[in-house]
């Protein structure tokens, strides 16, 4: 169910004790991702490509579109000038 499909949208409530731990977990993983992206590794382009690939594939799945990761990766690498 999408948030705007909720009966009380946009005036809905939530349980903080349920939402807050999940939000903390998301923030933690966001920090891990930022740390990886700012590291001085020679694989930084690979990390960026993998992150963008995962984002595109998962976002498309949410919309009901199934993309082939290999095709998307090839297209992304080409657009970014990577091998």
N, C-alpha and C. Protein backbone atom coordinates (compact mmCIF):
# COMPACT_ATOMS: atom_id res chain seq x y z
N UNK A 1 0.86 -1.18 0.00
CA UNK A 1 0.00 0.00 0.00
C UNK A 1 0.90 1.24 0.00
N UNK A 2 0.61 2.16 -0.88
CA UNK A 2 1.33 3.42 -0.92
C UNK A 2 0.80 4.33 0.19
N UNK A 3 1.64 5.22 0.65
CA UNK A 3 1.27 6.08 1.77
C UNK A 3 0.03 6.92 1.44
N UNK A 4 -0.10 7.38 0.21
CA UNK A 4 -1.25 8.21 -0.16
C UNK A 4 -2.52 7.38 -0.33
N UNK A 5 -2.40 6.06 -0.30
CA UNK A 5 -3.58 5.21 -0.37
C UNK A 5 -4.15 4.90 1.02
N UNK A 6 -3.44 5.32 2.04
CA UNK A 6 -3.89 5.10 3.41
C UNK A 6 -5.17 5.90 3.67
N UNK A 7 -6.10 5.32 4.38
CA UNK A 7 -7.41 5.95 4.61
C UNK A 7 -7.30 7.33 5.27
N UNK A 8 -6.30 7.51 6.13
CA UNK A 8 -6.17 8.78 6.85
C UNK A 8 -5.17 9.75 6.20
N UNK A 9 -4.74 9.46 4.99
CA UNK A 9 -3.79 10.34 4.32
C UNK A 9 -4.41 11.70 4.08
N UNK A 10 -3.74 12.79 4.33
CA UNK A 10 -2.40 12.92 4.90
C UNK A 10 -2.40 13.09 6.42
N UNK A 11 -3.46 12.77 7.07
CA UNK A 11 -3.57 12.95 8.52
C UNK A 11 -3.52 11.61 9.24
N UNK A 12 -2.41 10.91 9.11
CA UNK A 12 -2.29 9.61 9.74
C UNK A 12 -1.36 9.69 10.95
N UNK A 13 -1.36 8.67 11.75
CA UNK A 13 -0.48 8.61 12.92
C UNK A 13 0.40 7.37 12.82
N UNK A 14 1.41 7.31 13.65
CA UNK A 14 2.30 6.16 13.68
C UNK A 14 2.78 5.94 15.10
N UNK A 15 3.32 4.76 15.33
CA UNK A 15 3.86 4.39 16.63
C UNK A 15 5.35 4.70 16.63
N UNK A 16 5.76 5.70 17.40
CA UNK A 16 7.17 6.09 17.44
C UNK A 16 8.07 4.93 17.83
N UNK A 17 7.62 4.09 18.76
CA UNK A 17 8.48 2.99 19.22
C UNK A 17 8.72 1.96 18.11
N UNK A 18 7.89 1.96 17.07
CA UNK A 18 8.10 1.07 15.93
C UNK A 18 8.92 1.76 14.85
N UNK A 19 8.60 3.04 14.60
CA UNK A 19 9.24 3.77 13.51
C UNK A 19 10.67 4.19 13.85
N UNK A 20 10.91 4.66 15.06
CA UNK A 20 12.23 5.19 15.42
C UNK A 20 13.37 4.19 15.27
N UNK A 21 13.24 2.94 15.71
CA UNK A 21 14.36 2.00 15.49
C UNK A 21 14.64 1.76 14.00
N UNK A 22 13.61 1.73 13.20
CA UNK A 22 13.80 1.54 11.76
C UNK A 22 14.48 2.76 11.14
N UNK A 23 14.09 3.94 11.59
CA UNK A 23 14.70 5.17 11.10
C UNK A 23 16.17 5.25 11.50
N UNK A 24 16.48 4.85 12.75
CA UNK A 24 17.88 4.82 13.19
C UNK A 24 18.69 3.86 12.33
N UNK A 25 18.11 2.70 11.99
CA UNK A 25 18.80 1.73 11.16
C UNK A 25 19.08 2.29 9.77
N UNK A 26 18.10 2.97 9.20
CA UNK A 26 18.28 3.59 7.89
C UNK A 26 19.38 4.65 7.95
N UNK A 27 19.36 5.48 8.99
CA UNK A 27 20.39 6.52 9.13
C UNK A 27 21.78 5.91 9.29
N UNK A 28 21.86 4.81 10.03
CA UNK A 28 23.14 4.13 10.21
C UNK A 28 23.67 3.66 8.86
N UNK A 29 22.82 2.98 8.09
CA UNK A 29 23.25 2.45 6.80
C UNK A 29 23.56 3.58 5.81
N UNK A 30 22.87 4.69 5.95
CA UNK A 30 23.16 5.84 5.11
C UNK A 30 24.57 6.35 5.43
N UNK A 31 24.92 6.38 6.71
CA UNK A 31 26.26 6.79 7.12
C UNK A 31 27.34 5.85 6.61
N UNK A 32 27.05 4.55 6.64
CA UNK A 32 27.99 3.56 6.11
C UNK A 32 28.23 3.82 4.62
N UNK A 33 27.14 4.07 3.89
CA UNK A 33 27.25 4.33 2.46
C UNK A 33 28.06 5.60 2.19
N UNK A 34 27.79 6.66 2.94
CA UNK A 34 28.54 7.91 2.76
C UNK A 34 30.02 7.67 3.06
N UNK A 35 30.30 6.89 4.11
CA UNK A 35 31.68 6.57 4.44
C UNK A 35 32.38 5.81 3.32
N UNK A 36 31.69 4.85 2.74
CA UNK A 36 32.28 4.08 1.64
C UNK A 36 32.53 4.98 0.43
N UNK A 37 31.60 5.86 0.17
CA UNK A 37 31.73 6.72 -1.01
C UNK A 37 32.85 7.75 -0.84
N UNK A 38 33.16 8.12 0.39
CA UNK A 38 34.19 9.12 0.61
C UNK A 38 35.57 8.52 0.86
N UNK A 39 35.65 7.19 0.89
CA UNK A 39 36.95 6.54 1.12
C UNK A 39 37.84 6.72 -0.10
N UNK A 40 39.11 6.68 0.14
CA UNK A 40 40.09 6.89 -0.92
C UNK A 40 40.54 5.55 -1.51
N UNK A 41 39.62 4.81 -2.06
CA UNK A 41 39.97 3.53 -2.65
C UNK A 41 40.05 3.67 -4.17
N UNK A 42 40.81 2.80 -4.79
CA UNK A 42 40.86 2.85 -6.24
C UNK A 42 39.61 2.25 -6.86
N UNK A 43 38.77 1.62 -6.03
CA UNK A 43 37.53 1.03 -6.52
C UNK A 43 36.33 1.96 -6.34
N UNK A 44 36.59 3.25 -6.17
CA UNK A 44 35.50 4.20 -5.90
C UNK A 44 34.50 4.23 -7.06
N UNK A 45 34.98 4.16 -8.29
CA UNK A 45 34.06 4.14 -9.43
C UNK A 45 33.21 2.88 -9.42
N UNK A 46 33.79 1.75 -9.03
CA UNK A 46 33.06 0.49 -8.94
C UNK A 46 31.97 0.58 -7.88
N UNK A 47 32.30 1.17 -6.74
CA UNK A 47 31.33 1.33 -5.65
C UNK A 47 30.18 2.22 -6.11
N UNK A 48 30.52 3.33 -6.78
CA UNK A 48 29.49 4.25 -7.27
C UNK A 48 28.59 3.54 -8.29
N UNK A 49 29.19 2.79 -9.18
CA UNK A 49 28.42 2.07 -10.20
C UNK A 49 27.50 1.04 -9.55
N UNK A 50 28.01 0.27 -8.60
CA UNK A 50 27.19 -0.74 -7.91
C UNK A 50 26.05 -0.11 -7.13
N UNK A 51 26.32 1.02 -6.48
CA UNK A 51 25.29 1.72 -5.71
C UNK A 51 24.18 2.24 -6.62
N UNK A 52 24.57 2.85 -7.72
CA UNK A 52 23.58 3.37 -8.67
C UNK A 52 22.78 2.22 -9.29
N UNK A 53 23.46 1.13 -9.60
CA UNK A 53 22.79 -0.03 -10.18
C UNK A 53 21.73 -0.58 -9.23
N UNK A 54 22.10 -0.76 -7.97
CA UNK A 54 21.15 -1.27 -6.98
C UNK A 54 19.95 -0.33 -6.84
N UNK A 55 20.22 0.96 -6.81
CA UNK A 55 19.16 1.96 -6.68
C UNK A 55 18.18 1.87 -7.85
N UNK A 56 18.70 1.79 -9.06
CA UNK A 56 17.85 1.75 -10.25
C UNK A 56 17.03 0.46 -10.29
N UNK A 57 17.68 -0.68 -10.04
CA UNK A 57 16.98 -1.96 -10.11
C UNK A 57 15.90 -2.05 -9.06
N UNK A 58 16.22 -1.64 -7.81
CA UNK A 58 15.23 -1.72 -6.73
C UNK A 58 14.09 -0.72 -6.92
N UNK A 59 14.41 0.48 -7.38
CA UNK A 59 13.37 1.48 -7.62
C UNK A 59 12.42 1.02 -8.72
N UNK A 60 12.97 0.42 -9.74
CA UNK A 60 12.13 -0.09 -10.83
C UNK A 60 11.23 -1.23 -10.35
N UNK A 61 11.77 -2.08 -9.48
CA UNK A 61 10.98 -3.19 -8.94
C UNK A 61 9.79 -2.66 -8.15
N UNK A 62 9.98 -1.56 -7.42
CA UNK A 62 8.89 -0.95 -6.67
C UNK A 62 7.77 -0.52 -7.62
N UNK A 63 8.16 -0.06 -8.79
CA UNK A 63 7.19 0.38 -9.79
C UNK A 63 6.62 -0.79 -10.59
N UNK A 64 7.08 -2.00 -10.30
CA UNK A 64 6.58 -3.17 -11.01
C UNK A 64 7.31 -3.48 -12.30
N UNK A 65 8.46 -2.84 -12.51
CA UNK A 65 9.25 -3.07 -13.72
C UNK A 65 10.48 -3.89 -13.34
N UNK A 66 10.65 -5.03 -13.99
CA UNK A 66 11.80 -5.88 -13.70
C UNK A 66 12.88 -5.60 -14.73
N UNK A 67 14.02 -5.08 -14.26
CA UNK A 67 15.14 -4.79 -15.13
C UNK A 67 16.23 -5.84 -14.96
N UNK A 68 16.95 -6.11 -16.02
CA UNK A 68 18.09 -7.01 -15.96
C UNK A 68 19.30 -6.23 -15.48
N UNK A 69 19.85 -6.63 -14.35
CA UNK A 69 20.97 -5.91 -13.74
C UNK A 69 22.15 -5.79 -14.70
N UNK A 70 22.44 -6.84 -15.44
CA UNK A 70 23.57 -6.81 -16.37
C UNK A 70 23.39 -5.74 -17.43
N UNK A 71 22.17 -5.63 -17.99
CA UNK A 71 21.89 -4.61 -19.01
C UNK A 71 22.00 -3.20 -18.41
N UNK A 72 21.43 -3.01 -17.23
CA UNK A 72 21.46 -1.70 -16.58
C UNK A 72 22.90 -1.32 -16.26
N UNK A 73 23.67 -2.29 -15.76
CA UNK A 73 25.07 -2.03 -15.40
C UNK A 73 25.86 -1.60 -16.63
N UNK A 74 25.67 -2.31 -17.72
CA UNK A 74 26.37 -1.98 -18.96
C UNK A 74 26.00 -0.59 -19.44
N UNK A 75 24.72 -0.27 -19.39
CA UNK A 75 24.25 1.04 -19.82
C UNK A 75 24.81 2.15 -18.92
N UNK A 76 24.79 1.92 -17.61
CA UNK A 76 25.32 2.91 -16.66
C UNK A 76 26.81 3.14 -16.89
N UNK A 77 27.54 2.04 -16.99
CA UNK A 77 29.00 2.16 -17.20
C UNK A 77 29.29 2.94 -18.47
N UNK A 78 28.54 2.68 -19.51
CA UNK A 78 28.73 3.40 -20.76
C UNK A 78 28.45 4.89 -20.59
N UNK A 79 27.34 5.22 -19.92
CA UNK A 79 26.98 6.63 -19.71
C UNK A 79 28.01 7.36 -18.85
N UNK A 80 28.62 6.62 -17.89
CA UNK A 80 29.59 7.23 -16.98
C UNK A 80 31.02 7.16 -17.50
N UNK A 81 31.19 6.50 -18.66
CA UNK A 81 32.52 6.38 -19.24
C UNK A 81 33.41 5.39 -18.51
N UNK A 82 32.78 4.36 -17.90
CA UNK A 82 33.53 3.34 -17.18
C UNK A 82 33.48 2.04 -17.95
N UNK A 83 34.42 1.14 -17.63
CA UNK A 83 34.41 -0.16 -18.30
C UNK A 83 33.58 -1.15 -17.54
